[in-house]
Amino acid sequence: MITFDEQVAIVTGAGHGLGRSHALALAERGARVVVNDLGGARDGTGSSATAAEKVVAEIEAAGGEAFANSADVTDQDAVKSMVDEAIERWGRVDILINNAGVLRDKSFSNMTIENFAFVVDVHLMGTAICTKAVWDHMRDQSYGRIVVTASSSGLYGNFGQANYGAAKLGVVGLMNTLRAEGAKYNIKVNALAPVAHTRMTDELLPEEAKALLQPEEVTPGVLFLVSKDAPNGIILTAGAGGYGAARIYETTGIWLPPDQRTPENIAERLEEILANDDQQELKSGNEQTMKFLTQASGASIEEGAK
């Protein structure tokens, strides 16, 4: 039985949709929860504490402990104050679920750089700012569970979401580094790539899909990712009761002698480059470097033996 008794969790963007579902489920299993939500519209405009306060009221009505916070996740001072308040009130922070987000969809030709930057700022920089605010505390207590929220738009692309997709793959890159840096401090960092019917996706989903894609079907996945026995550094996909994993693989590829390193030879041997028979899931950038150095060293020995 996975429980969160005596643990403290911060969930950003918890006034609606996935964040609300995550916050309620954590509280139901014993966590004290900071319900963070700026309370703005889907495009990030406006603000209101009402949404977060309603979720807190639900938690308290069920016998749980929570408080509302309306910090903008891109505001470093406000985020620090939120974390400080949680520690002052409850003594610790064990869990951070980075869920806050906005949408400003347009085809790339019609998208302004301002709207590109705004979406990246909320999703990527907001995740980095919130994670930075809890990082040293988690390191000092030798315990932390952090989730970043990715998306199929970042992993695979989606028309009209260049800004959102760039940000959502960006948080995967952040996770890949933090999983290594946090491991020795018992800080585990994972990514969730959910699909659910929320106000963020309301206009993107056909009506017949909405009933199946409820946020509550995703939340069991995120509860696993922030549990004591969580994995480290995986991308869990979730939606409509289905759970999978997305992985980034690299093919073995080819090695070309110096006199054959031409674009024409790469084009001619593209099928070999793309062949996935021996592809690997690399765990760090250094592993890719070593792959190529090993190929080059082995090939050089073979060339010298001829």
C-alpha atoms as a PDB file:
ATOM      1  CA  MET A   1       0.000   0.000   0.000  1.00  0.00           C
ATOM      2  CA  ILE A   2       1.522   3.303  -1.092  1.00  0.00           C
ATOM      3  CA  THR A   3       0.885   5.996   1.495  1.00  0.00           C
ATOM      4  CA  PHE A   4       2.239   9.482   2.138  1.00  0.00           C
ATOM      5  CA  ASP A   5       1.668   9.811   5.887  1.00  0.00           C
ATOM      6  CA  GLU A   6       3.738  12.613   7.451  1.00  0.00           C
ATOM      7  CA  GLN A   7       4.932  13.717   4.008  1.00  0.00           C
ATOM      8  CA  VAL A   8       4.492  17.175   2.497  1.00  0.00           C
ATOM      9  CA  ALA A   9       3.709  17.668  -1.172  1.00  0.00           C
ATOM     10  CA  ILE A  10       3.592  20.732  -3.396  1.00  0.00           C
ATOM     11  CA  VAL A  11       1.455  20.457  -6.531  1.00  0.00           C
ATOM     12  CA  THR A  12       1.563  23.356  -8.976  1.00  0.00           C
ATOM     13  CA  GLY A  13      -1.385  24.133 -11.196  1.00  0.00           C
ATOM     14  CA  ALA A  14      -3.544  22.228  -8.734  1.00  0.00           C
ATOM     15  CA  GLY A  15      -6.716  24.274  -9.011  1.00  0.00           C
ATOM     16  CA  HIS A  16      -8.078  22.337 -11.968  1.00  0.00           C
ATOM     17  CA  GLY A  17      -7.714  19.158 -13.999  1.00  0.00           C
ATOM     18  CA  LEU A  18      -4.689  16.952 -13.465  1.00  0.00           C
ATOM     19  CA  GLY A  19      -3.193  19.042 -10.668  1.00  0.00           C
ATOM     20  CA  ARG A  20      -6.451  18.998  -8.707  1.00  0.00           C
ATOM     21  CA  SER A  21      -6.699  15.231  -9.136  1.00  0.00           C
ATOM     22  CA  HIS A  22      -3.081  14.754  -7.999  1.00  0.00           C
ATOM     23  CA  ALA A  23      -3.566  16.985  -4.930  1.00  0.00           C
ATOM     24  CA  LEU A  24      -6.775  15.268  -3.815  1.00  0.00           C
ATOM     25  CA  ALA A  25      -5.258  11.794  -4.220  1.00  0.00           C
ATOM     26  CA  LEU A  26      -2.105  12.694  -2.294  1.00  0.00           C
ATOM     27  CA  ALA A  27      -4.192  14.097   0.554  1.00  0.00           C
ATOM     28  CA  GLU A  28      -6.413  11.021   0.566  1.00  0.00           C
ATOM     29  CA  ARG A  29      -3.309   8.896   1.104  1.00  0.00           C
ATOM     30  CA  GLY A  30      -2.038  11.002   3.994  1.00  0.00           C
ATOM     31  CA  ALA A  31       0.050  13.817   2.517  1.00  0.00           C
ATOM     32  CA  ARG A  32      -0.164  17.416   3.625  1.00  0.00           C
ATOM     33  CA  VAL A  33      -0.570  19.360   0.403  1.00  0.00           C
ATOM     34  CA  VAL A  34       0.316  22.821  -0.841  1.00  0.00           C
ATOM     35  CA  VAL A  35      -2.289  23.520  -3.522  1.00  0.00           C
ATOM     36  CA  ASN A  36      -0.613  26.005  -5.836  1.00  0.00           C
ATOM     37  CA  ASP A  37      -2.519  27.724  -8.615  1.00  0.00           C
ATOM     38  CA  LEU A  38      -2.186  31.212 -10.046  1.00  0.00           C
ATOM     39  CA  GLY A  39      -5.829  30.986 -11.022  1.00  0.00           C
ATOM     40  CA  GLY A  40      -5.427  32.441 -14.474  1.00  0.00           C
ATOM     41  CA  ALA A  41      -7.109  31.555 -17.735  1.00  0.00           C
ATOM     42  CA  ARG A  42      -5.858  28.766 -19.969  1.00  0.00           C
ATOM     43  CA  ASP A  43      -3.611  31.215 -21.835  1.00  0.00           C
ATOM     44  CA  GLY A  44      -2.040  32.436 -18.595  1.00  0.00           C
ATOM     45  CA  THR A  45      -3.869  35.745 -18.330  1.00  0.00           C
ATOM     46  CA  GLY A  46      -5.477  36.882 -15.089  1.00  0.00           C
ATOM     47  CA  SER A  47      -5.236  35.436 -11.600  1.00  0.00           C
ATOM     48  CA  SER A  48      -7.478  34.299  -8.758  1.00  0.00           C
ATOM     49  CA  ALA A  49      -7.011  32.292  -5.566  1.00  0.00           C
ATOM     50  CA  THR A  50     -10.511  30.807  -5.809  1.00  0.00           C
ATOM     51  CA  ALA A  51      -9.622  27.586  -7.650  1.00  0.00           C
ATOM     52  CA  ALA A  52      -6.862  26.613  -5.211  1.00  0.00           C
ATOM     53  CA  GLU A  53      -9.026  27.486  -2.220  1.00  0.00           C
ATOM     54  CA  LYS A  54     -11.824  25.232  -3.469  1.00  0.00           C
ATOM     55  CA  VAL A  55      -9.432  22.286  -3.702  1.00  0.00           C
ATOM     56  CA  VAL A  56      -8.164  22.996  -0.184  1.00  0.00           C
ATOM     57  CA  ALA A  57     -11.753  23.051   1.043  1.00  0.00           C
ATOM     58  CA  GLU A  58     -12.321  19.620  -0.539  1.00  0.00           C
ATOM     59  CA  ILE A  59      -9.204  18.219   1.132  1.00  0.00           C
ATOM     60  CA  GLU A  60     -10.116  19.650   4.529  1.00  0.00           C
ATOM     61  CA  ALA A  61     -13.710  18.426   4.248  1.00  0.00           C
ATOM     62  CA  ALA A  62     -12.316  14.913   3.825  1.00  0.00           C
ATOM     63  CA  GLY A  63     -10.154  15.289   6.925  1.00  0.00           C
ATOM     64  CA  GLY A  64      -6.874  16.222   5.229  1.00  0.00           C
ATOM     65  CA  GLU A  65      -4.444  19.118   5.652  1.00  0.00           C
ATOM     66  CA  ALA A  66      -3.697  21.646   2.941  1.00  0.00           C
ATOM     67  CA  PHE A  67      -3.202  25.303   2.229  1.00  0.00           C
ATOM     68  CA  ALA A  68      -3.694  27.340  -0.920  1.00  0.00           C
ATOM     69  CA  ASN A  69      -0.959  29.290  -2.651  1.00  0.00           C
ATOM     70  CA  SER A  70      -1.265  31.500  -5.711  1.00  0.00           C
ATOM     71  CA  ALA A  71       2.405  31.969  -6.579  1.00  0.00           C
ATOM     72  CA  ASP A  72       3.261  32.413 -10.238  1.00  0.00           C
ATOM     73  CA  VAL A  73       5.716  29.576 -10.950  1.00  0.00           C
ATOM     74  CA  THR A  74       7.883  31.962 -12.980  1.00  0.00           C
ATOM     75  CA  ASP A  75       8.297  34.304  -9.987  1.00  0.00           C
ATOM     76  CA  GLN A  76      11.349  33.115  -8.052  1.00  0.00           C
ATOM     77  CA  ASP A  77      10.595  35.137  -4.927  1.00  0.00           C
ATOM     78  CA  ALA A  78       6.963  33.997  -4.777  1.00  0.00           C
ATOM     79  CA  VAL A  79       7.954  30.363  -5.270  1.00  0.00           C
ATOM     80  CA  LYS A  80      10.606  30.613  -2.546  1.00  0.00           C
ATOM     81  CA  SER A  81       8.001  32.079  -0.194  1.00  0.00           C
ATOM     82  CA  MET A  82       5.663  29.175  -0.977  1.00  0.00           C
ATOM     83  CA  VAL A  83       8.344  26.612  -0.142  1.00  0.00           C
ATOM     84  CA  ASP A  84       9.382  28.529   2.982  1.00  0.00           C
ATOM     85  CA  GLU A  85       5.768  28.593   4.186  1.00  0.00           C
ATOM     86  CA  ALA A  86       5.417  24.834   3.707  1.00  0.00           C
ATOM     87  CA  ILE A  87       8.615  24.175   5.672  1.00  0.00           C
ATOM     88  CA  GLU A  88       7.647  26.640   8.421  1.00  0.00           C
ATOM     89  CA  ARG A  89       4.194  25.102   8.764  1.00  0.00           C
ATOM     90  CA  TRP A  90       5.011  21.409   8.370  1.00  0.00           C
ATOM     91  CA  GLY A  91       8.775  21.125   8.759  1.00  0.00           C
ATOM     92  CA  ARG A  92       9.679  19.624   5.391  1.00  0.00           C
ATOM     93  CA  VAL A  93       8.893  19.195   1.691  1.00  0.00           C
ATOM     94  CA  ASP A  94       9.089  15.656   0.325  1.00  0.00           C
ATOM     95  CA  ILE A  95       7.275  15.846  -3.001  1.00  0.00           C
ATOM     96  CA  LEU A  96       7.054  18.344  -5.834  1.00  0.00           C
ATOM     97  CA  ILE A  97       4.752  17.773  -8.792  1.00  0.00           C
ATOM     98  CA  ASN A  98       5.412  20.352 -11.505  1.00  0.00           C
ATOM     99  CA  ASN A  99       2.049  20.513 -13.246  1.00  0.00           C
ATOM    100  CA  ALA A 100       1.340  24.208 -13.903  1.00  0.00           C
ATOM    101  CA  GLY A 101       0.952  25.100 -17.541  1.00  0.00           C
ATOM    102  CA  VAL A 102      -0.593  27.327 -20.186  1.00  0.00           C
ATOM    103  CA  LEU A 103      -1.473  27.070 -23.865  1.00  0.00           C
ATOM    104  CA  ARG A 104      -1.056  29.619 -26.640  1.00  0.00           C
ATOM    105  CA  ASP A 105      -1.463  27.472 -29.721  1.00  0.00           C
ATOM    106  CA  LYS A 106      -0.815  28.762 -33.245  1.00  0.00           C
ATOM    107  CA  SER A 107       0.914  27.375 -36.291  1.00  0.00           C
ATOM    108  CA  PHE A 108       4.563  28.414 -36.191  1.00  0.00           C
ATOM    109  CA  SER A 109       4.143  30.899 -39.042  1.00  0.00           C
ATOM    110  CA  ASN A 110       1.400  32.660 -37.073  1.00  0.00           C
ATOM    111  CA  MET A 111       3.015  32.384 -33.639  1.00  0.00           C
ATOM    112  CA  THR A 112       4.717  35.406 -32.151  1.00  0.00           C
ATOM    113  CA  ILE A 113       8.052  34.994 -30.429  1.00  0.00           C
ATOM    114  CA  GLU A 114       6.443  36.577 -27.362  1.00  0.00           C
ATOM    115  CA  ASN A 115       3.880  33.757 -27.164  1.00  0.00           C
ATOM    116  CA  PHE A 116       6.594  31.172 -27.818  1.00  0.00           C
ATOM    117  CA  ALA A 117       8.695  32.560 -24.976  1.00  0.00           C
ATOM    118  CA  PHE A 118       5.753  32.872 -22.596  1.00  0.00           C
ATOM    119  CA  VAL A 119       4.785  29.210 -22.900  1.00  0.00           C
ATOM    120  CA  VAL A 120       8.395  28.052 -22.562  1.00  0.00           C
ATOM    121  CA  ASP A 121       8.791  30.335 -19.553  1.00  0.00           C
ATOM    122  CA  VAL A 122       5.812  28.849 -17.695  1.00  0.00           C
ATOM    123  CA  HIS A 123       6.431  25.182 -18.500  1.00  0.00           C
ATOM    124  CA  LEU A 124      10.216  24.939 -18.600  1.00  0.00           C
ATOM    125  CA  MET A 125      11.443  27.841 -16.487  1.00  0.00           C
ATOM    126  CA  GLY A 126       8.538  27.401 -14.067  1.00  0.00           C
ATOM    127  CA  THR A 127       9.524  23.768 -13.579  1.00  0.00           C
ATOM    128  CA  ALA A 128      13.174  24.743 -13.097  1.00  0.00           C
ATOM    129  CA  ILE A 129      12.317  27.532 -10.635  1.00  0.00           C
ATOM    130  CA  CYS A 130      10.053  25.359  -8.487  1.00  0.00           C
ATOM    131  CA  THR A 131      12.531  22.483  -8.554  1.00  0.00           C
ATOM    132  CA  LYS A 132      15.418  24.764  -7.629  1.00  0.00           C
ATOM    133  CA  ALA A 133      13.391  26.121  -4.702  1.00  0.00           C
ATOM    134  CA  VAL A 134      13.058  22.661  -3.108  1.00  0.00           C
ATOM    135  CA  TRP A 135      16.318  21.098  -4.303  1.00  0.00           C
ATOM    136  CA  ASP A 136      18.709  22.087  -1.504  1.00  0.00           C
ATOM    137  CA  HIS A 137      16.110  21.289   1.148  1.00  0.00           C
ATOM    138  CA  MET A 138      15.580  17.816  -0.312  1.00  0.00           C
ATOM    139  CA  ARG A 139      19.325  17.319  -0.596  1.00  0.00           C
ATOM    140  CA  ASP A 140      19.842  18.264   3.053  1.00  0.00           C
ATOM    141  CA  GLN A 141      17.118  15.894   4.256  1.00  0.00           C
ATOM    142  CA  SER A 142      18.361  13.128   1.904  1.00  0.00           C
ATOM    143  CA  TYR A 143      14.922  12.604   0.436  1.00  0.00           C
ATOM    144  CA  GLY A 144      12.893  14.029  -2.404  1.00  0.00           C
ATOM    145  CA  ARG A 145      10.502  12.965  -5.129  1.00  0.00           C
ATOM    146  CA  ILE A 146      10.018  15.291  -8.104  1.00  0.00           C
ATOM    147  CA  VAL A 147       7.852  14.926 -11.170  1.00  0.00           C
ATOM    148  CA  VAL A 148       8.051  17.067 -14.282  1.00  0.00           C
ATOM    149  CA  THR A 149       5.089  17.036 -16.629  1.00  0.00           C
ATOM    150  CA  ALA A 150       6.031  16.299 -20.222  1.00  0.00           C
ATOM    151  CA  SER A 151       3.674  15.694 -23.141  1.00  0.00           C
ATOM    152  CA  SER A 152       3.271  13.717 -26.331  1.00  0.00           C
ATOM    153  CA  SER A 153       3.543  17.121 -28.051  1.00  0.00           C
ATOM    154  CA  GLY A 154       7.140  17.321 -26.862  1.00  0.00           C
ATOM    155  CA  LEU A 155       7.982  13.672 -27.405  1.00  0.00           C
ATOM    156  CA  TYR A 156       6.386  13.322 -30.824  1.00  0.00           C
ATOM    157  CA  GLY A 157       5.172  16.751 -31.984  1.00  0.00           C
ATOM    158  CA  ASN A 158       1.721  18.220 -32.497  1.00  0.00           C
ATOM    159  CA  PHE A 159       0.576  20.732 -35.108  1.00  0.00           C
ATOM    160  CA  GLY A 160       0.212  24.228 -33.720  1.00  0.00           C
ATOM    161  CA  GLN A 161       2.187  23.567 -30.547  1.00  0.00           C
ATOM    162  CA  ALA A 162       5.795  24.454 -31.362  1.00  0.00           C
ATOM    163  CA  ASN A 163       6.090  26.478 -28.135  1.00  0.00           C
ATOM    164  CA  TYR A 164       4.378  23.866 -25.957  1.00  0.00           C
ATOM    165  CA  GLY A 165       6.259  20.970 -27.554  1.00  0.00           C
ATOM    166  CA  ALA A 166       9.631  22.676 -27.144  1.00  0.00           C
ATOM    167  CA  ALA A 167       8.927  23.329 -23.472  1.00  0.00           C
ATOM    168  CA  LYS A 168       7.621  19.833 -22.803  1.00  0.00           C
ATOM    169  CA  LEU A 169      10.670  18.126 -24.285  1.00  0.00           C
ATOM    170  CA  GLY A 170      12.797  20.655 -22.423  1.00  0.00           C
ATOM    171  CA  VAL A 171      11.550  19.378 -19.061  1.00  0.00           C
ATOM    172  CA  VAL A 172      12.600  15.862 -20.113  1.00  0.00           C
ATOM    173  CA  GLY A 173      16.121  17.166 -20.680  1.00  0.00           C
ATOM    174  CA  LEU A 174      16.023  18.778 -17.246  1.00  0.00           C
ATOM    175  CA  MET A 175      14.837  15.508 -15.702  1.00  0.00           C
ATOM    176  CA  ASN A 176      17.587  13.519 -17.413  1.00  0.00           C
ATOM    177  CA  THR A 177      20.267  15.607 -15.731  1.00  0.00           C
ATOM    178  CA  LEU A 178      18.590  15.957 -12.337  1.00  0.00           C
ATOM    179  CA  ARG A 179      18.058  12.200 -12.041  1.00  0.00           C
ATOM    180  CA  ALA A 180      21.847  11.844 -12.073  1.00  0.00           C
ATOM    181  CA  GLU A 181      22.607  14.798  -9.816  1.00  0.00           C
ATOM    182  CA  GLY A 182      19.995  13.867  -7.230  1.00  0.00           C
ATOM    183  CA  ALA A 183      20.589  10.119  -7.036  1.00  0.00           C
ATOM    184  CA  LYS A 184      23.205  10.198  -4.277  1.00  0.00           C
ATOM    185  CA  TYR A 185      20.893  12.347  -2.144  1.00  0.00           C
ATOM    186  CA  ASN A 186      17.909   9.994  -2.564  1.00  0.00           C
ATOM    187  CA  ILE A 187      16.186  12.551  -4.770  1.00  0.00           C
ATOM    188  CA  LYS A 188      14.364  10.793  -7.586  1.00  0.00           C
ATOM    189  CA  VAL A 189      13.165  12.740 -10.596  1.00  0.00           C
ATOM    190  CA  ASN A 190      10.746  11.363 -13.168  1.00  0.00           C
ATOM    191  CA  ALA A 191       8.574  12.634 -15.997  1.00  0.00           C
ATOM    192  CA  LEU A 192       4.874  12.116 -16.602  1.00  0.00           C
ATOM    193  CA  ALA A 193       3.498  12.391 -20.140  1.00  0.00           C
ATOM    194  CA  PRO A 194      -0.273  12.400 -19.601  1.00  0.00           C
ATOM    195  CA  VAL A 195      -3.296  12.651 -21.828  1.00  0.00           C
ATOM    196  CA  ALA A 196      -6.489  13.755 -20.124  1.00  0.00           C
ATOM    197  CA  HIS A 197      -9.588  15.835 -20.659  1.00  0.00           C
ATOM    198  CA  THR A 198      -8.924  19.123 -18.904  1.00  0.00           C
ATOM    199  CA  ARG A 199      -9.539  22.750 -19.787  1.00  0.00           C
ATOM    200  CA  MET A 200      -6.109  22.662 -21.449  1.00  0.00           C
ATOM    201  CA  THR A 201      -7.187  19.954 -23.896  1.00  0.00           C
ATOM    202  CA  ASP A 202     -10.924  20.651 -24.138  1.00  0.00           C
ATOM    203  CA  GLU A 203     -10.753  21.978 -27.709  1.00  0.00           C
ATOM    204  CA  LEU A 204      -8.237  19.357 -28.837  1.00  0.00           C
ATOM    205  CA  LEU A 205     -10.199  16.202 -28.007  1.00  0.00           C
ATOM    206  CA  PRO A 206     -13.239  14.715 -29.771  1.00  0.00           C
ATOM    207  CA  GLU A 207     -16.340  14.485 -27.587  1.00  0.00           C
ATOM    208  CA  GLU A 208     -16.384  10.684 -27.516  1.00  0.00           C
ATOM    209  CA  ALA A 209     -12.845  10.635 -26.067  1.00  0.00           C
ATOM    210  CA  LYS A 210     -13.453  13.042 -23.215  1.00  0.00           C
ATOM    211  CA  ALA A 211     -15.392  10.604 -21.024  1.00  0.00           C
ATOM    212  CA  LEU A 212     -12.520   8.110 -21.182  1.00  0.00           C
ATOM    213  CA  LEU A 213      -9.737  10.595 -20.659  1.00  0.00           C
ATOM    214  CA  GLN A 214     -10.462  11.705 -17.109  1.00  0.00           C
ATOM    215  CA  PRO A 215      -7.619  13.185 -15.020  1.00  0.00           C
ATOM    216  CA  GLU A 216      -8.265  10.630 -12.283  1.00  0.00           C
ATOM    217  CA  GLU A 217      -7.095   7.884 -14.668  1.00  0.00           C
ATOM    218  CA  VAL A 218      -3.650   9.513 -14.870  1.00  0.00           C
ATOM    219  CA  THR A 219      -3.115  10.241 -11.177  1.00  0.00           C
ATOM    220  CA  PRO A 220      -2.238   6.655 -10.087  1.00  0.00           C
ATOM    221  CA  GLY A 221       0.820   6.970 -12.316  1.00  0.00           C
ATOM    222  CA  VAL A 222       2.045  10.152 -10.694  1.00  0.00           C
ATOM    223  CA  LEU A 223       1.436   8.739  -7.203  1.00  0.00           C
ATOM    224  CA  PHE A 224       3.726   5.852  -8.104  1.00  0.00           C
ATOM    225  CA  LEU A 225       6.390   8.268  -9.388  1.00  0.00           C
ATOM    226  CA  VAL A 226       6.473  10.144  -6.064  1.00  0.00           C
ATOM    227  CA  SER A 227       6.309   7.075  -3.812  1.00  0.00           C
ATOM    228  CA  LYS A 228       9.174   5.951  -1.585  1.00  0.00           C
ATOM    229  CA  ASP A 229      10.033   3.101  -3.961  1.00  0.00           C
ATOM    230  CA  ALA A 230       9.799   5.239  -7.096  1.00  0.00           C
ATOM    231  CA  PRO A 231      12.069   4.618 -10.062  1.00  0.00           C
ATOM    232  CA  ASN A 232      14.486   7.314 -11.177  1.00  0.00           C
ATOM    233  CA  GLY A 233      14.551   8.968 -14.570  1.00  0.00           C
ATOM    234  CA  ILE A 234      11.670   7.348 -16.443  1.00  0.00           C
ATOM    235  CA  ILE A 235       9.061   8.928 -18.700  1.00  0.00           C
ATOM    236  CA  LEU A 236       5.746   7.405 -17.691  1.00  0.00           C
ATOM    237  CA  THR A 237       2.932   7.824 -20.192  1.00  0.00           C
ATOM    238  CA  ALA A 238      -0.651   7.644 -18.950  1.00  0.00           C
ATOM    239  CA  GLY A 239      -4.214   8.096 -20.150  1.00  0.00           C
ATOM    240  CA  ALA A 240      -7.651   6.447 -20.078  1.00  0.00           C
ATOM    241  CA  GLY A 241      -6.405   3.754 -17.715  1.00  0.00           C
ATOM    242  CA  GLY A 242      -3.378   2.886 -19.839  1.00  0.00           C
ATOM    243  CA  TYR A 243       0.209   3.240 -18.622  1.00  0.00           C
ATOM    244  CA  GLY A 244       3.367   2.933 -20.683  1.00  0.00           C
ATOM    245  CA  ALA A 245       6.886   4.305 -20.926  1.00  0.00           C
ATOM    246  CA  ALA A 246       8.543   6.496 -23.530  1.00  0.00           C
ATOM    247  CA  ARG A 247      12.255   5.959 -24.106  1.00  0.00           C
ATOM    248  CA  ILE A 248      14.905   7.730 -26.140  1.00  0.00           C
ATOM    249  CA  TYR A 249      17.033   5.266 -28.072  1.00  0.00           C
ATOM    250  CA  GLU A 250      20.120   5.678 -30.228  1.00  0.00           C
ATOM    251  CA  THR A 251      21.077   3.324 -33.035  1.00  0.00           C
ATOM    252  CA  THR A 252      24.556   1.851 -33.202  1.00  0.00           C
ATOM    253  CA  GLY A 253      25.046   3.499 -36.581  1.00  0.00           C
ATOM    254  CA  ILE A 254      28.206   3.320 -38.666  1.00  0.00           C
ATOM    255  CA  TRP A 255      31.837   4.424 -38.502  1.00  0.00           C
ATOM    256  CA  LEU A 256      33.505   5.941 -41.558  1.00  0.00           C
ATOM    257  CA  PRO A 257      37.261   6.168 -42.176  1.00  0.00           C
ATOM    258  CA  PRO A 258      38.544   9.746 -42.572  1.00  0.00           C
ATOM    259  CA  ASP A 259      38.643   9.606 -46.370  1.00  0.00           C
ATOM    260  CA  GLN A 260      35.006   8.441 -46.541  1.00  0.00           C
ATOM    261  CA  ARG A 261      33.368  11.039 -44.274  1.00  0.00           C
ATOM    262  CA  THR A 262      31.244  12.688 -46.925  1.00  0.00           C
ATOM    263  CA  PRO A 263      27.554  13.589 -47.002  1.00  0.00           C
ATOM    264  CA  GLU A 264      27.214  11.307 -50.037  1.00  0.00           C
ATOM    265  CA  ASN A 265      28.406   8.276 -48.062  1.00  0.00           C
ATOM    266  CA  ILE A 266      26.072   9.140 -45.194  1.00  0.00           C
ATOM    267  CA  ALA A 267      23.175   9.337 -47.648  1.00  0.00           C
ATOM    268  CA  GLU A 268      24.164   6.042 -49.253  1.00  0.00           C
ATOM    269  CA  ARG A 269      24.361   4.248 -45.902  1.00  0.00           C
ATOM    270  CA  LEU A 270      21.363   5.875 -44.255  1.00  0.00           C
ATOM    271  CA  GLU A 271      19.559   2.550 -43.958  1.00  0.00           C
ATOM    272  CA  GLU A 272      22.430   1.222 -41.812  1.00  0.00           C
ATOM    273  CA  ILE A 273      22.416   4.383 -39.715  1.00  0.00           C
ATOM    274  CA  LEU A 274      18.691   4.005 -39.042  1.00  0.00           C
ATOM    275  CA  ALA A 275      18.807   0.252 -38.363  1.00  0.00           C
ATOM    276  CA  ASN A 276      17.576  -0.378 -34.847  1.00  0.00           C
ATOM    277  CA  ASP A 277      18.715  -3.973 -34.321  1.00  0.00           C
ATOM    278  CA  ASP A 278      21.262  -3.004 -31.648  1.00  0.00           C
ATOM    279  CA  GLN A 279      19.887   0.341 -30.523  1.00  0.00           C
ATOM    280  CA  GLN A 280      20.577   1.399 -26.941  1.00  0.00           C
ATOM    281  CA  GLU A 281      18.808   3.449 -24.304  1.00  0.00           C
ATOM    282  CA  LEU A 282      21.606   5.791 -23.247  1.00  0.00           C
ATOM    283  CA  LYS A 283      21.552   7.184 -19.718  1.00  0.00           C
ATOM    284  CA  SER A 284      23.816  10.195 -20.177  1.00  0.00           C
ATOM    285  CA  GLY A 285      25.500  12.328 -22.791  1.00  0.00           C
ATOM    286  CA  ASN A 286      28.804  10.721 -21.803  1.00  0.00           C
ATOM    287  CA  GLU A 287      27.482   7.338 -22.896  1.00  0.00           C
ATOM    288  CA  GLN A 288      26.978   8.674 -26.409  1.00  0.00           C
ATOM    289  CA  THR A 289      30.509  10.088 -26.405  1.00  0.00           C
ATOM    290  CA  MET A 290      31.893   6.723 -25.307  1.00  0.00           C
ATOM    291  CA  LYS A 291      29.862   4.924 -27.970  1.00  0.00           C
ATOM    292  CA  PHE A 292      31.460   6.944 -30.732  1.00  0.00           C
ATOM    293  CA  LEU A 293      34.954   6.757 -29.196  1.00  0.00           C
ATOM    294  CA  THR A 294      34.633   2.981 -28.853  1.00  0.00           C
ATOM    295  CA  GLN A 295      33.582   2.690 -32.485  1.00  0.00           C
ATOM    296  CA  ALA A 296      36.470   4.873 -33.593  1.00  0.00           C
ATOM    297  CA  SER A 297      39.029   3.033 -31.444  1.00  0.00           C
ATOM    298  CA  GLY A 298      37.891  -0.375 -32.626  1.00  0.00           C
ATOM    299  CA  ALA A 299      37.810   0.695 -36.246  1.00  0.00           C
ATOM    300  CA  SER A 300      41.286   2.236 -35.986  1.00  0.00           C
ATOM    301  CA  ILE A 301      42.701  -1.033 -34.620  1.00  0.00           C
ATOM    302  CA  GLU A 302      41.076  -2.965 -37.448  1.00  0.00           C
ATOM    303  CA  GLU A 303      42.436  -0.508 -40.026  1.00  0.00           C
ATOM    304  CA  GLY A 304      45.933  -0.780 -38.539  1.00  0.00           C
ATOM    305  CA  ALA A 305      45.837  -4.571 -38.670  1.00  0.00           C
ATOM    306  CA  LYS A 306      45.189  -4.631 -42.414  1.00  0.00           C
END
